[in-house]
């Protein structure tokens, strides 16, 4: 889509205007929501392209920033569908679903422990907020199942020690990640295709989108929605209280030449938190013909070297992917530090995270703020709330301006 920044549209209303800082999933959701309510909106994105962590790489390998999927029971699913923004989805063929493997006791297995599946069926509301997941789950299903469940849930946590987190927080993610039918769906062509459709929708609504437009100081015009990472928001707002724990994980992208043997579709490590997925199983267009595209994430502790996460990934590859080193045609590694969403420790919930409304017309949106949901749902829910509050503020400002103009 061409950069809409240099184009202009006639203003439908006089000022005030909603300003959105950040052009990722949260920023675009907020901009669309505010514009649909009739507000004038300007969106600033520091990078040359929109999307944030939802960007999909250009070129022959259509990688996301780590494993990505859309959960179909979340509120953003209905919102995207209603606006025809979801687009075509890539289904996992039945034969590929049968190649889901669990790494347990050093070997690949077709099934996880039965006690883990029984634990996963428990409603999240049954899990306590003020107890860690391992303690709670061990009392119900025993230590082995508790350990396996915590490590399996890491697919939605990106954390090196998921068992230490709040039982309620982990159980919600475990319950969603093991739901039948599966909640995870894959936008064909990668998440970037969804972002392109959202950007087009924003433009059609009159949103002024400015890319390569870094904002280093909070704008004076309010309301303003800061839809950046929490670290960036803390610097921009000069507010030291804007902190919340997140995960740290090694991201691996790997392209392999196809082999006559059957590569697994997914390997979930139940011995330690780790996840490796062959994304071309559901969408072959993500890599050149005859190649497989794998993406994985292997959480590491705060001071653990990247090499440890890479070594973990290679152990999983050795266990499941025949002769993968000789078949490798592309490899990329990175660390995602504090960029994988909020994690809630015992005694805390999403309500304890940094508030969306910061006062004085400043609002936050993103995946580490006070909004419910799993993965991208937090960014979506916070964006809807922030946009709603911004539109109300715009209405109040217009009313004040109107009253002033009516005075003799």
Protein backbone atom coordinates (compact mmCIF):
# COMPACT_ATOMS: atom_id res chain seq x y z
CA UNK A 1 0.00 0.00 0.00
CA UNK A 2 1.45 3.43 -0.87
CA UNK A 3 2.52 5.64 2.00
CA UNK A 4 -0.50 7.85 2.76
CA UNK A 5 1.53 10.47 4.58
CA UNK A 6 1.94 13.03 1.75
CA UNK A 7 -1.74 12.93 0.80
CA UNK A 8 -4.34 15.20 2.31
CA UNK A 9 -8.06 14.96 2.92
CA UNK A 10 -10.56 17.67 3.78
CA UNK A 11 -11.33 17.91 7.49
CA UNK A 12 -14.80 16.76 8.33
CA UNK A 13 -14.79 18.60 11.66
CA UNK A 14 -12.85 21.42 13.24
CA UNK A 15 -10.25 20.59 15.86
CA UNK A 16 -9.68 18.96 18.34
CA UNK A 17 -7.97 15.91 16.92
CA UNK A 18 -7.02 12.52 18.40
CA UNK A 19 -3.30 11.80 18.13
CA UNK A 20 -2.10 8.20 18.12
CA UNK A 21 1.59 7.46 18.65
CA UNK A 22 2.51 4.01 17.35
CA UNK A 23 1.35 2.20 14.23
CA UNK A 24 1.24 -1.38 15.46
CA UNK A 25 -1.85 -3.50 16.08
CA UNK A 26 -2.89 -1.40 19.11
CA UNK A 27 -2.30 1.94 17.39
CA UNK A 28 -4.22 1.00 14.26
CA UNK A 29 -7.09 -0.43 16.32
CA UNK A 30 -7.29 2.80 18.32
CA UNK A 31 -7.11 4.98 15.20
CA UNK A 32 -9.85 3.04 13.40
CA UNK A 33 -12.11 3.02 16.46
CA UNK A 34 -11.75 6.76 17.02
CA UNK A 35 -12.25 7.55 13.33
CA UNK A 36 -15.35 5.38 13.14
CA UNK A 37 -16.80 7.54 15.91
CA UNK A 38 -16.28 10.65 13.78
CA UNK A 39 -13.06 11.93 15.31
CA UNK A 40 -10.20 13.38 13.30
CA UNK A 41 -7.16 11.17 13.85
CA UNK A 42 -3.46 11.50 13.16
CA UNK A 43 -1.24 8.45 13.61
CA UNK A 44 2.55 8.71 13.96
CA UNK A 45 4.77 5.68 13.36
CA UNK A 46 8.52 5.90 13.94
CA UNK A 47 9.38 3.19 11.40
CA UNK A 48 8.98 3.36 7.67
CA UNK A 49 6.29 0.69 7.76
CA UNK A 50 3.32 0.03 9.99
CA UNK A 51 2.77 -3.07 12.10
CA UNK A 52 5.10 -3.05 15.08
CA UNK A 53 5.55 -6.63 16.25
CA UNK A 54 2.83 -7.64 13.80
CA UNK A 55 5.02 -6.83 10.79
CA UNK A 56 5.74 -9.60 8.33
CA UNK A 57 9.09 -9.56 6.57
CA UNK A 58 9.26 -8.89 2.85
CA UNK A 59 10.97 -11.22 0.43
CA UNK A 60 10.88 -14.94 -0.08
CA UNK A 61 10.65 -15.73 3.65
CA UNK A 62 7.51 -14.20 5.15
CA UNK A 63 8.53 -14.32 8.81
CA UNK A 64 6.78 -12.72 11.75
CA UNK A 65 8.62 -11.50 14.82
CA UNK A 66 8.41 -14.91 16.45
CA UNK A 67 5.55 -17.41 16.26
CA UNK A 68 2.23 -15.60 15.67
CA UNK A 69 -1.36 -16.80 15.58
CA UNK A 70 -4.82 -15.29 15.98
CA UNK A 71 -7.01 -16.80 18.70
CA UNK A 72 -10.53 -17.13 17.33
CA UNK A 73 -12.44 -16.76 20.61
CA UNK A 74 -10.96 -13.38 21.41
CA UNK A 75 -12.78 -10.06 20.97
CA UNK A 76 -10.44 -8.90 18.22
CA UNK A 77 -11.55 -11.82 16.02
CA UNK A 78 -15.15 -10.58 15.86
CA UNK A 79 -14.01 -6.96 15.42
CA UNK A 80 -11.74 -7.83 12.49
CA UNK A 81 -14.37 -10.08 10.92
CA UNK A 82 -17.11 -7.43 11.12
CA UNK A 83 -14.89 -5.00 9.19
CA UNK A 84 -13.71 -7.58 6.66
CA UNK A 85 -10.15 -7.10 7.88
CA UNK A 86 -9.36 -10.69 8.84
CA UNK A 87 -8.86 -11.84 5.27
CA UNK A 88 -8.20 -15.41 4.10
CA UNK A 89 -6.93 -17.83 6.71
CA UNK A 90 -4.54 -20.72 6.27
CA UNK A 91 -5.96 -23.94 7.67
CA UNK A 92 -3.72 -26.69 9.01
CA UNK A 93 -4.23 -29.85 6.94
CA UNK A 94 -5.31 -32.87 8.97
CA UNK A 95 -2.13 -34.74 8.07
CA UNK A 96 -0.06 -31.88 9.47
CA UNK A 97 -2.11 -31.65 12.66
CA UNK A 98 -1.25 -35.30 13.22
CA UNK A 99 2.43 -34.29 13.27
CA UNK A 100 2.11 -32.30 16.49
CA UNK A 101 4.81 -33.60 18.81
CA UNK A 102 5.64 -33.19 22.50
CA UNK A 103 9.24 -33.29 23.70
CA UNK A 104 9.14 -35.10 27.04
CA UNK A 105 11.90 -36.89 28.95
CA UNK A 106 14.25 -36.18 26.06
CA UNK A 107 12.13 -37.85 23.37
CA UNK A 108 9.40 -36.83 20.93
CA UNK A 109 5.97 -38.22 21.76
CA UNK A 110 2.59 -38.03 20.11
CA UNK A 111 0.63 -37.22 23.25
CA UNK A 112 1.19 -35.19 26.42
CA UNK A 113 0.51 -36.57 29.90
CA UNK A 114 -3.19 -37.29 30.35
CA UNK A 115 -3.14 -35.51 33.71
CA UNK A 116 -1.94 -32.34 31.93
CA UNK A 117 -4.94 -32.44 29.59
CA UNK A 118 -7.31 -32.93 32.52
CA UNK A 119 -5.71 -29.97 34.27
CA UNK A 120 -6.04 -27.83 31.14
CA UNK A 121 -9.80 -28.41 31.03
CA UNK A 122 -10.28 -26.63 34.35
CA UNK A 123 -11.82 -23.19 34.00
CA UNK A 124 -9.34 -20.37 34.71
CA UNK A 125 -11.67 -19.04 37.41
CA UNK A 126 -10.85 -22.13 39.49
CA UNK A 127 -7.20 -21.11 39.73
CA UNK A 128 -6.18 -18.70 42.53
CA UNK A 129 -4.63 -15.34 41.76
CA UNK A 130 -2.38 -15.27 44.83
CA UNK A 131 -0.71 -18.67 44.36
CA UNK A 132 1.93 -19.67 41.83
CA UNK A 133 0.86 -22.06 39.09
CA UNK A 134 3.25 -24.89 40.01
CA UNK A 135 2.03 -25.07 43.61
CA UNK A 136 -1.63 -24.99 42.62
CA UNK A 137 -1.32 -27.43 39.70
CA UNK A 138 0.84 -29.87 41.66
CA UNK A 139 -1.85 -30.14 44.32
CA UNK A 140 -4.39 -31.06 41.65
CA UNK A 141 -2.50 -33.10 39.06
CA UNK A 142 0.88 -33.96 40.57
CA UNK A 143 4.34 -32.51 39.90
CA UNK A 144 4.94 -34.05 36.46
CA UNK A 145 1.68 -32.84 34.97
CA UNK A 146 2.11 -29.42 36.60
CA UNK A 147 5.57 -29.05 35.10
CA UNK A 148 4.44 -30.17 31.63
CA UNK A 149 1.42 -27.86 31.74
CA UNK A 150 3.49 -24.85 32.75
CA UNK A 151 5.96 -25.47 29.95
CA UNK A 152 3.24 -26.04 27.37
CA UNK A 153 1.54 -22.76 28.37
CA UNK A 154 4.81 -20.95 27.62
CA UNK A 155 3.68 -20.76 23.97
CA UNK A 156 1.47 -17.87 25.14
CA UNK A 157 3.81 -16.57 27.86
CA UNK A 158 7.35 -16.25 26.43
CA UNK A 159 8.64 -16.65 30.01
CA UNK A 160 11.49 -18.84 31.27
CA UNK A 161 9.68 -19.93 34.47
CA UNK A 162 5.93 -20.00 33.79
CA UNK A 163 5.27 -22.10 36.89
CA UNK A 164 6.30 -19.17 39.08
CA UNK A 165 3.57 -16.92 37.70
CA UNK A 166 0.05 -16.45 39.03
CA UNK A 167 -1.99 -19.65 38.73
CA UNK A 168 -4.97 -17.73 37.34
CA UNK A 169 -2.82 -16.04 34.71
CA UNK A 170 -1.18 -19.25 33.49
CA UNK A 171 -4.34 -21.33 33.63
CA UNK A 172 -6.17 -18.90 31.35
CA UNK A 173 -3.47 -19.33 28.73
CA UNK A 174 -3.21 -23.09 29.19
CA UNK A 175 -6.99 -23.43 28.87
CA UNK A 176 -7.08 -21.36 25.67
CA UNK A 177 -4.00 -23.02 24.13
CA UNK A 178 -5.46 -26.53 24.53
CA UNK A 179 -9.05 -25.70 23.49
CA UNK A 180 -10.84 -27.96 21.02
CA UNK A 181 -11.39 -27.11 18.28
CA UNK A 182 -8.09 -25.21 18.28
CA UNK A 183 -8.32 -21.43 18.65
CA UNK A 184 -5.09 -20.65 16.79
CA UNK A 185 -5.58 -19.49 13.20
CA UNK A 186 -3.11 -18.13 10.67
CA UNK A 187 -3.67 -15.15 8.34
CA UNK A 188 -2.55 -16.25 4.90
CA UNK A 189 0.64 -14.42 4.00
CA UNK A 190 1.42 -13.55 7.62
CA UNK A 191 0.16 -10.97 10.10
CA UNK A 192 1.38 -8.19 7.84
CA UNK A 193 -1.58 -8.87 5.54
CA UNK A 194 -3.97 -8.03 8.40
CA UNK A 195 -1.98 -4.87 9.14
CA UNK A 196 -2.21 -3.79 5.48
CA UNK A 197 -5.98 -4.18 5.54
CA UNK A 198 -6.22 -2.26 8.82
CA UNK A 199 -4.08 0.55 7.37
CA UNK A 200 -6.33 0.74 4.31
CA UNK A 201 -9.40 0.88 6.54
CA UNK A 202 -7.85 3.69 8.60
CA UNK A 203 -7.05 5.66 5.44
CA UNK A 204 -10.57 5.22 4.11
CA UNK A 205 -11.86 6.67 7.38
CA UNK A 206 -9.70 9.76 6.92
CA UNK A 207 -6.92 8.89 9.39
CA UNK A 208 -3.77 10.84 8.59
CA UNK A 209 -0.94 8.32 8.76
CA UNK A 210 2.62 9.59 9.07
CA UNK A 211 5.36 6.98 8.86
CA UNK A 212 9.06 7.59 9.63
CA UNK A 213 7.70 10.12 12.12
CA UNK A 214 9.33 9.51 15.50
CA UNK A 215 7.75 11.44 18.37
CA UNK A 216 10.29 12.39 21.04
CA UNK A 217 8.09 14.69 23.14
CA UNK A 218 4.50 14.35 24.19
CA UNK A 219 2.31 16.51 21.91
CA UNK A 220 0.52 19.44 23.51
CA UNK A 221 -2.68 18.72 21.60
CA UNK A 222 -4.86 16.27 23.49
CA UNK A 223 -6.19 13.66 23.65
CA UNK A 224 -3.20 11.52 22.73
CA UNK A 225 -3.02 7.73 22.71
CA UNK A 226 0.44 6.30 23.29
CA UNK A 227 0.35 2.88 21.61
CA UNK A 228 4.02 1.95 21.93
CA UNK A 229 5.97 -0.52 24.02
CA UNK A 230 5.81 0.22 27.73
CA UNK A 231 9.52 1.10 27.73
CA UNK A 232 8.98 3.68 24.98
CA UNK A 233 5.92 5.06 26.76
CA UNK A 234 7.89 5.43 29.98
CA UNK A 235 10.54 7.49 28.22
CA UNK A 236 8.04 9.59 26.29
CA UNK A 237 5.86 10.35 29.31
CA UNK A 238 8.85 10.61 31.68
CA UNK A 239 6.91 8.41 34.07
CA UNK A 240 9.05 5.92 35.99
CA UNK A 241 5.95 4.09 37.22
CA UNK A 242 5.28 2.66 33.75
CA UNK A 243 6.84 -0.72 34.33
CA UNK A 244 5.57 -4.28 34.33
CA UNK A 245 7.38 -7.63 34.00
CA UNK A 246 7.53 -9.35 30.64
CA UNK A 247 9.36 -12.31 29.17
CA UNK A 248 12.74 -12.74 27.52
CA UNK A 249 13.02 -15.28 24.75
CA UNK A 250 15.28 -16.33 21.91
CA UNK A 251 13.54 -16.17 18.54
CA UNK A 252 14.62 -18.55 15.79
CA UNK A 253 13.77 -18.38 12.08
CA UNK A 254 14.92 -21.35 10.04
CA UNK A 255 14.37 -22.33 6.40
CA UNK A 256 15.03 -25.96 5.52
CA UNK A 257 15.01 -27.82 2.25
CA UNK A 258 12.11 -30.27 2.25
CA UNK A 259 13.01 -33.85 3.04
CA UNK A 260 11.37 -37.10 2.03
CA UNK A 261 10.88 -37.78 5.71
CA UNK A 262 8.02 -36.07 7.51
CA UNK A 263 9.10 -33.06 9.54
CA UNK A 264 6.91 -32.33 12.58
CA UNK A 265 4.35 -29.56 12.36
CA UNK A 266 4.91 -28.39 15.96
CA UNK A 267 7.27 -29.48 18.69
CA UNK A 268 6.21 -28.30 22.15
CA UNK A 269 8.91 -28.88 24.73
CA UNK A 270 7.45 -30.14 28.00
CA UNK A 271 10.87 -30.56 29.63
CA UNK A 272 11.56 -26.81 29.47
CA UNK A 273 9.66 -23.86 27.98
CA UNK A 274 10.12 -23.92 24.21
CA UNK A 275 8.09 -23.99 21.01
CA UNK A 276 9.03 -24.70 17.38
CA UNK A 277 6.48 -24.51 14.55
CA UNK A 278 6.67 -25.22 10.82
CA UNK A 279 4.58 -22.37 9.46
CA UNK A 280 4.65 -23.58 5.86
CA UNK A 281 2.59 -26.57 7.01
CA UNK A 282 -0.48 -24.35 6.81
CA UNK A 283 0.75 -21.70 4.36
CA UNK A 284 3.37 -22.87 1.80
CA UNK A 285 3.51 -19.34 0.33
CA UNK A 286 5.65 -18.20 3.28
CA UNK A 287 8.80 -19.72 1.74
CA UNK A 288 10.08 -20.68 -1.72
CA UNK A 289 8.79 -23.92 -3.20
CA UNK A 290 10.48 -26.98 -1.78
CA UNK A 291 11.40 -25.28 1.51
CA UNK A 292 9.99 -25.30 5.02
CA UNK A 293 9.86 -22.16 7.18
CA UNK A 294 10.19 -22.79 10.91
CA UNK A 295 9.77 -20.21 13.65
CA UNK A 296 10.34 -20.85 17.32
CA UNK A 297 10.78 -19.20 20.68
CA UNK A 298 12.88 -20.50 23.59
CA UNK A 299 12.60 -18.44 26.79
CA UNK A 300 15.69 -17.61 28.83
CA UNK A 301 16.19 -16.01 32.24
CA UNK A 302 17.17 -12.32 32.53
CA UNK A 303 20.94 -12.88 32.75
CA UNK A 304 21.12 -16.09 30.73
CA UNK A 305 23.16 -15.75 27.51
CA UNK A 306 21.48 -16.00 24.16
CA UNK A 307 23.63 -19.03 23.38
CA UNK A 308 21.71 -21.08 25.95
CA UNK A 309 18.42 -20.44 24.16
CA UNK A 310 20.01 -21.26 20.81
CA UNK A 311 21.39 -24.51 22.22
CA UNK A 312 17.91 -25.39 23.48
CA UNK A 313 16.48 -24.80 20.01
CA UNK A 314 19.13 -27.02 18.46
CA UNK A 315 18.32 -29.85 20.87
CA UNK A 316 14.71 -29.73 19.71
CA UNK A 317 15.80 -29.65 16.08
CA UNK A 318 18.09 -32.64 16.65
CA UNK A 319 15.21 -34.57 18.18
CA UNK A 320 12.66 -33.86 15.46
CA UNK A 321 14.19 -32.70 12.19
CA UNK A 322 16.33 -35.21 10.32
CA UNK A 323 19.63 -33.81 9.02
CA UNK A 324 18.42 -30.24 9.61
CA UNK A 325 21.90 -28.70 9.59
CA UNK A 326 22.64 -29.92 6.06
CA UNK A 327 19.21 -28.81 4.90
CA UNK A 328 19.41 -25.27 6.32
CA UNK A 329 19.25 -22.53 3.68
CA UNK A 330 18.50 -19.59 5.97
CA UNK A 331 18.87 -19.01 9.69
CA UNK A 332 18.24 -16.00 11.89
CA UNK A 333 18.32 -15.59 15.67
CA UNK A 334 17.27 -12.71 17.91
CA UNK A 335 16.29 -11.95 21.48
CA UNK A 336 12.92 -10.45 22.38
CA UNK A 337 13.40 -8.77 25.75
CA UNK A 338 10.39 -7.11 27.37
CA UNK A 339 8.53 -7.19 24.04
CA UNK A 340 6.34 -10.24 24.54
CA UNK A 341 3.47 -8.93 26.62
CA UNK A 342 2.79 -8.69 30.33
CA UNK A 343 3.17 -11.54 32.81
CA UNK A 344 1.33 -11.47 36.14
CA UNK A 345 3.07 -12.76 39.25
CA UNK A 346 1.13 -14.21 42.19
CA UNK A 347 -1.10 -11.63 43.81
CA UNK A 348 -1.50 -9.52 40.68
CA UNK A 349 -3.92 -9.42 37.76
CA UNK A 350 -4.27 -7.30 34.65
CA UNK A 351 -6.02 -4.67 36.76
CA UNK A 352 -2.74 -3.99 38.58
CA UNK A 353 -0.82 -3.09 35.42
CA UNK A 354 -0.29 0.55 34.34
CA UNK A 355 -3.66 2.24 33.88
CA UNK A 356 -4.87 3.19 30.41
CA UNK A 357 -6.01 6.65 31.48
CA UNK A 358 -2.93 8.60 32.64
CA UNK A 359 -4.82 11.86 33.13
CA UNK A 360 -4.54 15.19 31.31
CA UNK A 361 -5.77 13.62 28.07
CA UNK A 362 -3.01 11.00 27.87
CA UNK A 363 -4.01 7.37 27.28
CA UNK A 364 -2.04 4.14 26.94
CA UNK A 365 -2.61 1.15 24.68
CA UNK A 366 -0.48 -1.96 24.32
CA UNK A 367 0.08 -5.47 25.58
CA UNK A 368 1.47 -4.54 29.03
CA UNK A 369 -1.28 -2.25 30.29
CA UNK A 370 -4.45 -2.73 32.34
CA UNK A 371 -6.67 -4.68 29.97
CA UNK A 372 -7.81 -8.32 29.93
CA UNK A 373 -7.07 -10.95 27.30
CA UNK A 374 -4.43 -13.29 25.93
CA UNK A 375 -1.56 -12.17 23.68
CA UNK A 376 -2.77 -9.56 21.13
CA UNK A 377 -6.14 -9.34 22.88
CA UNK A 378 -4.59 -7.15 25.59
CA UNK A 379 -3.39 -4.65 22.97
CA UNK A 380 -6.77 -4.75 21.26
CA UNK A 381 -8.86 -4.29 24.42
CA UNK A 382 -6.67 -1.47 25.68
CA UNK A 383 -6.85 0.24 22.28
CA UNK A 384 -10.65 0.11 22.22
CA UNK A 385 -10.82 1.56 25.74
CA UNK A 386 -8.27 4.28 24.96
CA UNK A 387 -10.07 5.27 21.75
CA UNK A 388 -13.43 5.40 23.52
CA UNK A 389 -12.03 7.69 26.21
CA UNK A 390 -10.33 9.84 23.57
CA UNK A 391 -13.57 10.28 21.61
CA UNK A 392 -15.37 11.30 24.79
CA UNK A 393 -12.66 13.86 25.48
CA UNK A 394 -12.98 15.22 21.95
CA UNK A 395 -16.74 15.55 22.42
CA UNK A 396 -16.23 17.44 25.67
CA UNK A 397 -13.73 19.81 24.03
CA UNK A 398 -16.08 20.46 21.13
CA UNK A 399 -18.88 21.23 23.56
CA UNK A 400 -16.66 23.74 25.36
CA UNK A 401 -15.64 25.36 22.07
CA UNK A 402 -19.27 25.47 20.95
CA UNK A 403 -20.37 27.10 24.17
CA UNK A 404 -17.62 29.70 23.84
CA UNK A 405 -18.59 30.51 20.26
CA UNK A 406 -22.23 30.97 21.27
CA UNK A 407 -21.46 33.69 23.83
CA UNK A 408 -22.28 37.25 22.72
